[in-house]
Protein backbone atom coordinates (compact mmCIF):
# COMPACT_ATOMS: atom_id res chain seq x y z
CA MET A 1 104.34 193.79 155.14
CA THR A 2 103.72 193.17 151.44
CA ARG A 3 100.37 192.08 150.23
CA PRO A 4 100.23 188.71 148.48
CA THR A 5 99.63 188.95 144.76
CA PRO A 6 98.55 186.21 142.37
CA ALA A 7 102.05 186.16 140.84
CA ARG A 8 103.73 185.74 144.25
CA ASP A 9 101.24 183.04 145.26
CA ARG A 10 101.91 181.12 142.03
CA ALA A 11 105.69 181.46 142.49
CA ALA A 12 105.41 180.15 146.05
CA ARG A 13 103.33 177.16 144.89
CA GLU A 14 105.77 176.32 142.08
CA ALA A 15 108.88 176.67 144.26
CA ASP A 16 111.24 173.75 144.58
CA PRO A 17 110.67 172.44 148.14
CA SER A 18 114.37 171.65 148.70
CA THR A 19 115.67 175.11 147.76
CA GLY A 20 112.63 177.37 147.95
CA VAL A 21 113.59 178.85 144.58
CA PRO A 22 110.77 179.20 142.03
CA ALA A 23 110.99 176.58 139.30
CA SER A 24 111.06 179.28 136.62
CA ARG A 25 114.25 180.81 138.03
CA PRO A 26 117.54 178.88 138.21
CA ALA A 27 119.22 178.55 141.60
CA ALA A 28 122.09 180.97 142.20
CA ARG A 29 125.62 179.58 142.22
CA HIS A 30 127.80 180.50 145.13
CA ILE A 31 131.54 181.08 145.11
CA GLY A 32 133.41 177.83 145.65
CA GLN A 33 130.49 175.69 144.50
CA ARG A 34 131.39 172.96 142.01
CA PRO A 35 129.91 173.32 138.54
CA PRO A 36 127.23 170.83 137.52
CA SER A 37 128.15 167.76 135.50
CA GLY A 38 129.38 168.88 132.13
CA PRO A 39 128.39 167.55 128.75
CA TYR A 40 131.53 165.44 128.78
CA GLY A 41 130.42 163.25 131.68
CA GLN A 42 132.44 164.14 134.74
CA PRO A 43 131.90 167.20 136.96
CA GLY A 44 134.05 170.08 135.78
CA SER A 45 135.07 168.27 132.61
CA TYR A 46 134.44 171.25 130.36
CA PRO A 47 137.28 171.99 127.94
CA MET A 48 139.60 174.79 128.95
CA ALA A 49 138.84 178.17 127.44
CA GLY A 50 141.03 178.83 124.44
CA THR A 51 141.80 175.14 123.91
CA PRO A 52 141.45 174.40 120.20
CA ARG A 53 138.94 171.67 119.48
CA PRO A 54 139.74 169.19 116.74
CA LYS A 55 137.66 169.87 113.67
CA PRO A 56 135.68 166.91 112.38
CA GLU A 57 136.71 165.72 108.96
CA PRO A 58 134.19 166.49 106.23
CA PRO A 59 132.36 163.41 104.95
CA THR A 60 133.62 161.75 101.80
CA PHE A 61 130.89 161.46 99.19
CA LEU A 62 130.73 158.59 96.72
CA THR A 63 129.04 158.45 93.33
CA VAL A 64 126.67 155.72 92.20
CA ASN A 65 129.42 154.22 90.00
CA GLU A 66 131.85 154.08 92.95
CA ILE A 67 129.25 152.45 95.20
CA ALA A 68 128.36 149.89 92.53
CA ALA A 69 132.05 149.00 92.09
CA MET A 70 132.56 148.79 95.86
CA MET A 71 129.54 146.54 96.38
CA ARG A 72 130.10 144.64 93.11
CA VAL A 73 126.54 145.17 91.94
CA SER A 74 125.05 147.02 88.98
CA LYS A 75 124.31 150.74 88.99
CA MET A 76 120.60 149.89 88.69
CA THR A 77 120.75 148.02 92.02
CA VAL A 78 122.32 151.06 93.68
CA TYR A 79 119.66 153.36 92.17
CA ARG A 80 116.96 151.00 93.46
CA LEU A 81 118.43 151.22 96.98
CA LEU A 82 118.54 155.03 96.73
CA HIS A 83 114.98 155.40 95.47
CA ASP A 84 113.64 152.99 98.13
CA GLY A 85 115.36 155.02 100.84
CA THR A 86 117.24 151.93 102.00
CA LEU A 87 120.54 153.69 101.38
CA ALA A 88 120.59 157.28 102.67
CA SER A 89 121.79 159.81 100.12
CA VAL A 90 121.99 163.48 99.19
CA ARG A 91 120.70 164.75 95.90
CA ILE A 92 122.96 167.31 94.21
CA GLY A 93 121.30 168.53 91.05
CA ARG A 94 120.24 165.41 89.20
CA SER A 95 122.87 163.12 90.72
CA PHE A 96 123.03 161.21 93.99
CA ARG A 97 125.89 161.33 96.48
CA VAL A 98 126.27 158.94 99.40
CA THR A 99 128.68 159.26 102.31
CA GLU A 100 131.11 156.44 102.96
CA ARG A 101 129.64 156.08 106.44
CA ASN A 102 126.14 155.48 105.03
CA VAL A 103 127.50 152.77 102.74
CA ARG A 104 129.36 151.12 105.64
CA ASP A 105 126.22 151.30 107.81
CA TYR A 106 124.11 149.74 105.06
CA LEU A 107 126.60 146.94 104.48
CA GLY A 108 126.84 146.30 108.22
CA LEU A 109 123.07 145.76 108.42
CA ASP A 110 123.09 142.95 105.90
CA VAL A 111 125.80 140.80 107.48
CA VAL A 112 124.69 137.19 107.79
CA GLU A 113 126.60 134.83 110.03
CA ILE A 114 126.80 131.24 108.85
CA PRO A 115 127.24 128.74 111.70
CA LEU A 116 130.19 126.40 111.39
CA GLN A 117 129.37 122.72 111.13
CA ALA A 118 131.13 120.39 113.51
CA GLU A 119 133.39 117.87 111.81
CA GLY A 120 132.79 114.33 112.72
């Protein structure tokens, strides 16, 4: 019979009661056992090995002039939004670049719905 050691006692105390496996060690998988839920939601929904994954498109960056023209405001207004941090940007050298997605997100935040008045 083996003598109990502090490490074995601690492992026994920390064991998962349903499996008896210490919490620090993952449970062994047995042949024929289904894999756990994958990152894609459903059990076993991992992509097949060797299946090419679609590459995400690189973001399209816009200049301050392009953003000002798109929003129909002055360049100074765009610079104010960039310096305030209201519009997320990347600084490349001394110029700012903003992704199209950040501009769309910013414009989506400031949408105001005007209720229609009933005629009568």
